């Protein structure tokens, strides 16, 4: 009977996908630490071979994780726009923000202004946003965590500047090595 109460692990292979030929892929993430109120944003644009273009890790003021996610994607898209890069694609692991942008549902008054500006940037620069699992967004995730502990804006223009924790996931993405997403199915205690 005890064996039936154990949660059942469900494994899924997750792979960071290379951008299509001629496109730049921008992975972003935002992080908010509720305990100390610190937030950070990160983004890493990569070329069609998965190669490094640049990376940013910036501490910000924010009051929620959704706000941090939106600021991260907006900063990354503005960077692309300012560099004259059109026809880019962005990936985020926040289903809430992705859903808001895809359906143009501007329900949240706090996020509405940033959302409208971002939609405008995407439409004028032939940009698109896709959702991905966190396991396919590990480089951005680690940089965003770094930004919550930092007090300064960091722009990485040289791969040798990368923190050690981000180099492994970066090469796994570039070499197309999958990560594994593990979730647990909740047991139904009432079914025998």
C-alpha atoms as a PDB file:
ATOM      1  CA  UNK A   1       0.000   0.000   0.000  1.00  0.00           C
ATOM      2  CA  UNK A   2       2.876   2.382   0.789  1.00  0.00           C
ATOM      3  CA  UNK A   3       4.375   1.748  -2.672  1.00  0.00           C
ATOM      4  CA  UNK A   4       1.233   3.170  -4.288  1.00  0.00           C
ATOM      5  CA  UNK A   5       1.676   6.443  -2.369  1.00  0.00           C
ATOM      6  CA  UNK A   6       5.042   7.262  -3.947  1.00  0.00           C
ATOM      7  CA  UNK A   7       4.994  10.010  -6.588  1.00  0.00           C
ATOM      8  CA  UNK A   8       5.740   8.685 -10.063  1.00  0.00           C
ATOM      9  CA  UNK A   9       8.629  10.434 -11.886  1.00  0.00           C
ATOM     10  CA  UNK A  10       8.001  11.507 -15.466  1.00  0.00           C
ATOM     11  CA  UNK A  11      11.126  12.133 -17.572  1.00  0.00           C
ATOM     12  CA  UNK A  12      11.230  14.258 -20.707  1.00  0.00           C
ATOM     13  CA  UNK A  13      14.215  15.034 -22.912  1.00  0.00           C
ATOM     14  CA  UNK A  14      14.549  18.800 -23.520  1.00  0.00           C
ATOM     15  CA  UNK A  15      16.829  20.272 -26.168  1.00  0.00           C
ATOM     16  CA  UNK A  16      17.805  23.875 -26.846  1.00  0.00           C
ATOM     17  CA  UNK A  17      17.086  24.301 -30.544  1.00  0.00           C
ATOM     18  CA  UNK A  18      19.345  26.172 -32.940  1.00  0.00           C
ATOM     19  CA  UNK A  19      17.775  29.199 -34.639  1.00  0.00           C
ATOM     20  CA  UNK A  20      16.831  28.900 -38.311  1.00  0.00           C
ATOM     21  CA  UNK A  21      19.359  29.999 -40.918  1.00  0.00           C
ATOM     22  CA  UNK A  22      19.806  33.763 -40.968  1.00  0.00           C
ATOM     23  CA  UNK A  23      18.163  34.370 -37.574  1.00  0.00           C
ATOM     24  CA  UNK A  24      19.525  35.388 -34.210  1.00  0.00           C
ATOM     25  CA  UNK A  25      18.121  33.630 -31.159  1.00  0.00           C
ATOM     26  CA  UNK A  26      17.770  35.546 -27.910  1.00  0.00           C
ATOM     27  CA  UNK A  27      17.233  33.609 -24.678  1.00  0.00           C
ATOM     28  CA  UNK A  28      16.254  35.742 -21.697  1.00  0.00           C
ATOM     29  CA  UNK A  29      15.284  35.186 -18.099  1.00  0.00           C
ATOM     30  CA  UNK A  30      14.287  37.310 -15.154  1.00  0.00           C
ATOM     31  CA  UNK A  31      14.773  36.461 -11.512  1.00  0.00           C
ATOM     32  CA  UNK A  32      13.115  37.896  -8.410  1.00  0.00           C
ATOM     33  CA  UNK A  33      14.127  36.960  -4.868  1.00  0.00           C
ATOM     34  CA  UNK A  34      11.117  37.474  -2.645  1.00  0.00           C
ATOM     35  CA  UNK A  35      13.179  37.234   0.569  1.00  0.00           C
ATOM     36  CA  UNK A  36      15.492  40.178  -0.104  1.00  0.00           C
ATOM     37  CA  UNK A  37      13.522  41.978  -2.852  1.00  0.00           C
ATOM     38  CA  UNK A  38      16.426  41.828  -5.335  1.00  0.00           C
ATOM     39  CA  UNK A  39      15.781  41.170  -9.015  1.00  0.00           C
ATOM     40  CA  UNK A  40      17.906  40.635 -12.088  1.00  0.00           C
ATOM     41  CA  UNK A  41      17.575  40.183 -15.830  1.00  0.00           C
ATOM     42  CA  UNK A  42      19.734  38.307 -18.299  1.00  0.00           C
ATOM     43  CA  UNK A  43      19.853  37.654 -21.976  1.00  0.00           C
ATOM     44  CA  UNK A  44      22.146  35.874 -24.378  1.00  0.00           C
ATOM     45  CA  UNK A  45      21.774  36.273 -28.144  1.00  0.00           C
ATOM     46  CA  UNK A  46      23.300  33.447 -30.195  1.00  0.00           C
ATOM     47  CA  UNK A  47      23.887  32.984 -33.895  1.00  0.00           C
ATOM     48  CA  UNK A  48      22.581  30.196 -36.134  1.00  0.00           C
ATOM     49  CA  UNK A  49      25.356  27.815 -35.022  1.00  0.00           C
ATOM     50  CA  UNK A  50      24.579  28.470 -31.357  1.00  0.00           C
ATOM     51  CA  UNK A  51      27.715  30.605 -31.020  1.00  0.00           C
ATOM     52  CA  UNK A  52      28.121  33.399 -28.512  1.00  0.00           C
ATOM     53  CA  UNK A  53      27.295  36.962 -29.607  1.00  0.00           C
ATOM     54  CA  UNK A  54      27.097  38.734 -26.216  1.00  0.00           C
ATOM     55  CA  UNK A  55      25.403  38.362 -22.852  1.00  0.00           C
ATOM     56  CA  UNK A  56      24.005  40.755 -20.289  1.00  0.00           C
ATOM     57  CA  UNK A  57      23.382  40.350 -16.578  1.00  0.00           C
ATOM     58  CA  UNK A  58      21.769  43.362 -14.910  1.00  0.00           C
ATOM     59  CA  UNK A  59      20.395  43.899 -11.401  1.00  0.00           C
ATOM     60  CA  UNK A  60      17.080  45.779 -11.556  1.00  0.00           C
ATOM     61  CA  UNK A  61      14.326  47.058  -9.327  1.00  0.00           C
ATOM     62  CA  UNK A  62      11.186  44.987  -9.667  1.00  0.00           C
ATOM     63  CA  UNK A  63       8.332  43.745  -7.498  1.00  0.00           C
ATOM     64  CA  UNK A  64       7.581  40.359  -9.094  1.00  0.00           C
ATOM     65  CA  UNK A  65       9.086  37.550 -11.129  1.00  0.00           C
ATOM     66  CA  UNK A  66       6.708  38.315 -14.033  1.00  0.00           C
ATOM     67  CA  UNK A  67       7.898  41.921 -14.050  1.00  0.00           C
ATOM     68  CA  UNK A  68      11.521  40.728 -14.146  1.00  0.00           C
ATOM     69  CA  UNK A  69      10.759  38.325 -17.017  1.00  0.00           C
ATOM     70  CA  UNK A  70       9.097  41.102 -19.020  1.00  0.00           C
ATOM     71  CA  UNK A  71      11.958  43.545 -18.401  1.00  0.00           C
ATOM     72  CA  UNK A  72      14.484  40.903 -19.498  1.00  0.00           C
ATOM     73  CA  UNK A  73      12.792  40.187 -22.818  1.00  0.00           C
ATOM     74  CA  UNK A  74      12.190  43.886 -23.427  1.00  0.00           C
ATOM     75  CA  UNK A  75      15.869  44.767 -22.771  1.00  0.00           C
ATOM     76  CA  UNK A  76      17.042  41.974 -25.092  1.00  0.00           C
ATOM     77  CA  UNK A  77      14.670  42.999 -27.904  1.00  0.00           C
ATOM     78  CA  UNK A  78      15.668  46.657 -27.532  1.00  0.00           C
ATOM     79  CA  UNK A  79      19.330  45.603 -27.793  1.00  0.00           C
ATOM     80  CA  UNK A  80      18.545  43.782 -31.058  1.00  0.00           C
ATOM     81  CA  UNK A  81      16.640  46.823 -32.361  1.00  0.00           C
ATOM     82  CA  UNK A  82      19.473  49.224 -31.419  1.00  0.00           C
ATOM     83  CA  UNK A  83      22.048  46.995 -33.159  1.00  0.00           C
ATOM     84  CA  UNK A  84      19.941  46.959 -36.325  1.00  0.00           C
ATOM     85  CA  UNK A  85      19.177  43.256 -35.989  1.00  0.00           C
ATOM     86  CA  UNK A  86      15.874  42.315 -37.539  1.00  0.00           C
ATOM     87  CA  UNK A  87      14.377  38.905 -38.076  1.00  0.00           C
ATOM     88  CA  UNK A  88      15.273  37.619 -34.619  1.00  0.00           C
ATOM     89  CA  UNK A  89      13.528  35.168 -32.350  1.00  0.00           C
ATOM     90  CA  UNK A  90      13.347  35.275 -28.582  1.00  0.00           C
ATOM     91  CA  UNK A  91      12.734  32.452 -26.133  1.00  0.00           C
ATOM     92  CA  UNK A  92      11.450  32.766 -22.591  1.00  0.00           C
ATOM     93  CA  UNK A  93      10.548  30.187 -19.976  1.00  0.00           C
ATOM     94  CA  UNK A  94       7.703  32.196 -18.422  1.00  0.00           C
ATOM     95  CA  UNK A  95       4.396  30.837 -19.676  1.00  0.00           C
ATOM     96  CA  UNK A  96       2.550  33.812 -18.119  1.00  0.00           C
ATOM     97  CA  UNK A  97       4.520  36.435 -20.085  1.00  0.00           C
ATOM     98  CA  UNK A  98       4.550  34.328 -23.268  1.00  0.00           C
ATOM     99  CA  UNK A  99       0.764  33.949 -23.102  1.00  0.00           C
ATOM    100  CA  UNK A 100       0.317  37.711 -22.551  1.00  0.00           C
ATOM    101  CA  UNK A 101       2.466  38.520 -25.582  1.00  0.00           C
ATOM    102  CA  UNK A 102       1.011  35.868 -27.894  1.00  0.00           C
ATOM    103  CA  UNK A 103      -2.605  36.718 -27.176  1.00  0.00           C
ATOM    104  CA  UNK A 104      -1.959  40.429 -26.568  1.00  0.00           C
ATOM    105  CA  UNK A 105      -3.874  40.125 -23.314  1.00  0.00           C
ATOM    106  CA  UNK A 106      -2.938  43.253 -21.416  1.00  0.00           C
ATOM    107  CA  UNK A 107      -4.852  42.424 -18.222  1.00  0.00           C
ATOM    108  CA  UNK A 108      -2.136  43.334 -15.743  1.00  0.00           C
ATOM    109  CA  UNK A 109      -2.006  47.128 -15.311  1.00  0.00           C
ATOM    110  CA  UNK A 110       1.519  47.056 -13.857  1.00  0.00           C
ATOM    111  CA  UNK A 111       2.926  45.129 -16.817  1.00  0.00           C
ATOM    112  CA  UNK A 112       0.753  46.753 -19.495  1.00  0.00           C
ATOM    113  CA  UNK A 113       3.143  49.588 -20.525  1.00  0.00           C
ATOM    114  CA  UNK A 114       6.162  47.293 -20.908  1.00  0.00           C
ATOM    115  CA  UNK A 115       4.034  44.781 -22.777  1.00  0.00           C
ATOM    116  CA  UNK A 116       2.770  47.343 -25.304  1.00  0.00           C
ATOM    117  CA  UNK A 117       6.297  48.654 -25.971  1.00  0.00           C
ATOM    118  CA  UNK A 118       7.621  45.122 -26.464  1.00  0.00           C
ATOM    119  CA  UNK A 119       4.847  44.170 -28.897  1.00  0.00           C
ATOM    120  CA  UNK A 120       5.662  47.312 -30.894  1.00  0.00           C
ATOM    121  CA  UNK A 121       9.398  46.416 -31.058  1.00  0.00           C
ATOM    122  CA  UNK A 122       8.608  42.849 -32.170  1.00  0.00           C
ATOM    123  CA  UNK A 123       6.205  43.949 -34.910  1.00  0.00           C
ATOM    124  CA  UNK A 124       8.545  46.607 -36.336  1.00  0.00           C
ATOM    125  CA  UNK A 125      11.615  44.332 -36.328  1.00  0.00           C
ATOM    126  CA  UNK A 126      10.096  41.059 -37.537  1.00  0.00           C
ATOM    127  CA  UNK A 127      10.711  39.493 -34.135  1.00  0.00           C
ATOM    128  CA  UNK A 128       8.954  36.534 -32.588  1.00  0.00           C
ATOM    129  CA  UNK A 129       8.718  35.049 -29.111  1.00  0.00           C
ATOM    130  CA  UNK A 130       8.600  31.349 -28.290  1.00  0.00           C
ATOM    131  CA  UNK A 131       8.127  29.549 -25.015  1.00  0.00           C
ATOM    132  CA  UNK A 132      10.673  26.986 -23.861  1.00  0.00           C
ATOM    133  CA  UNK A 133      11.138  24.871 -20.754  1.00  0.00           C
ATOM    134  CA  UNK A 134      13.604  26.142 -18.143  1.00  0.00           C
ATOM    135  CA  UNK A 135      15.871  23.183 -18.961  1.00  0.00           C
ATOM    136  CA  UNK A 136      16.311  24.638 -22.473  1.00  0.00           C
ATOM    137  CA  UNK A 137      17.010  28.088 -21.008  1.00  0.00           C
ATOM    138  CA  UNK A 138      19.714  27.179 -18.486  1.00  0.00           C
ATOM    139  CA  UNK A 139      22.345  29.710 -19.567  1.00  0.00           C
ATOM    140  CA  UNK A 140      19.926  32.604 -19.150  1.00  0.00           C
ATOM    141  CA  UNK A 141      18.654  31.138 -15.871  1.00  0.00           C
ATOM    142  CA  UNK A 142      22.151  31.051 -14.313  1.00  0.00           C
ATOM    143  CA  UNK A 143      22.971  34.563 -15.479  1.00  0.00           C
ATOM    144  CA  UNK A 144      19.704  35.891 -14.025  1.00  0.00           C
ATOM    145  CA  UNK A 145      20.541  34.312 -10.659  1.00  0.00           C
ATOM    146  CA  UNK A 146      23.952  36.017 -10.842  1.00  0.00           C
ATOM    147  CA  UNK A 147      22.260  39.372 -11.469  1.00  0.00           C
ATOM    148  CA  UNK A 148      20.266  39.119  -8.213  1.00  0.00           C
ATOM    149  CA  UNK A 149      23.502  38.953  -6.208  1.00  0.00           C
ATOM    150  CA  UNK A 150      25.396  41.592  -8.185  1.00  0.00           C
ATOM    151  CA  UNK A 151      25.308  45.347  -7.713  1.00  0.00           C
ATOM    152  CA  UNK A 152      26.501  46.266 -11.200  1.00  0.00           C
ATOM    153  CA  UNK A 153      25.469  45.813 -14.800  1.00  0.00           C
ATOM    154  CA  UNK A 154      27.640  43.215 -16.547  1.00  0.00           C
ATOM    155  CA  UNK A 155      27.891  42.986 -20.339  1.00  0.00           C
ATOM    156  CA  UNK A 156      29.878  39.957 -21.484  1.00  0.00           C
ATOM    157  CA  UNK A 157      31.524  40.518 -24.855  1.00  0.00           C
ATOM    158  CA  UNK A 158      34.100  37.757 -24.477  1.00  0.00           C
ATOM    159  CA  UNK A 159      33.229  34.137 -23.758  1.00  0.00           C
ATOM    160  CA  UNK A 160      36.198  33.900 -21.382  1.00  0.00           C
ATOM    161  CA  UNK A 161      34.326  36.296 -19.043  1.00  0.00           C
ATOM    162  CA  UNK A 162      31.488  33.805 -18.545  1.00  0.00           C
ATOM    163  CA  UNK A 163      30.992  32.543 -14.999  1.00  0.00           C
ATOM    164  CA  UNK A 164      31.984  28.902 -14.631  1.00  0.00           C
ATOM    165  CA  UNK A 165      28.392  27.757 -13.901  1.00  0.00           C
ATOM    166  CA  UNK A 166      27.182  28.978 -17.318  1.00  0.00           C
ATOM    167  CA  UNK A 167      29.894  27.459 -19.524  1.00  0.00           C
ATOM    168  CA  UNK A 168      28.673  23.863 -19.176  1.00  0.00           C
ATOM    169  CA  UNK A 169      25.054  24.598 -20.140  1.00  0.00           C
ATOM    170  CA  UNK A 170      26.275  26.846 -22.987  1.00  0.00           C
ATOM    171  CA  UNK A 171      28.341  24.039 -24.544  1.00  0.00           C
ATOM    172  CA  UNK A 172      25.533  21.512 -23.974  1.00  0.00           C
ATOM    173  CA  UNK A 173      23.248  23.770 -26.009  1.00  0.00           C
ATOM    174  CA  UNK A 174      25.821  24.332 -28.738  1.00  0.00           C
ATOM    175  CA  UNK A 175      26.624  20.613 -29.032  1.00  0.00           C
ATOM    176  CA  UNK A 176      22.890  19.761 -28.932  1.00  0.00           C
ATOM    177  CA  UNK A 177      23.125  17.617 -25.793  1.00  0.00           C
ATOM    178  CA  UNK A 178      19.661  17.262 -24.242  1.00  0.00           C
ATOM    179  CA  UNK A 179      18.772  18.021 -20.637  1.00  0.00           C
ATOM    180  CA  UNK A 180      16.141  16.100 -18.743  1.00  0.00           C
ATOM    181  CA  UNK A 181      12.986  17.586 -17.305  1.00  0.00           C
ATOM    182  CA  UNK A 182      11.780  15.561 -14.326  1.00  0.00           C
ATOM    183  CA  UNK A 183       8.315  16.076 -12.936  1.00  0.00           C
ATOM    184  CA  UNK A 184       6.412  13.949 -10.483  1.00  0.00           C
ATOM    185  CA  UNK A 185       2.903  12.751 -11.063  1.00  0.00           C
ATOM    186  CA  UNK A 186       0.868  13.098  -7.929  1.00  0.00           C
ATOM    187  CA  UNK A 187      -0.419   9.799  -6.640  1.00  0.00           C
ATOM    188  CA  UNK A 188      -4.109   9.351  -6.268  1.00  0.00           C
ATOM    189  CA  UNK A 189      -4.504   8.123  -2.717  1.00  0.00           C
ATOM    190  CA  UNK A 190      -8.127   7.153  -3.196  1.00  0.00           C
ATOM    191  CA  UNK A 191      -7.690   4.678  -6.053  1.00  0.00           C
ATOM    192  CA  UNK A 192      -6.682   1.176  -5.092  1.00  0.00           C
END
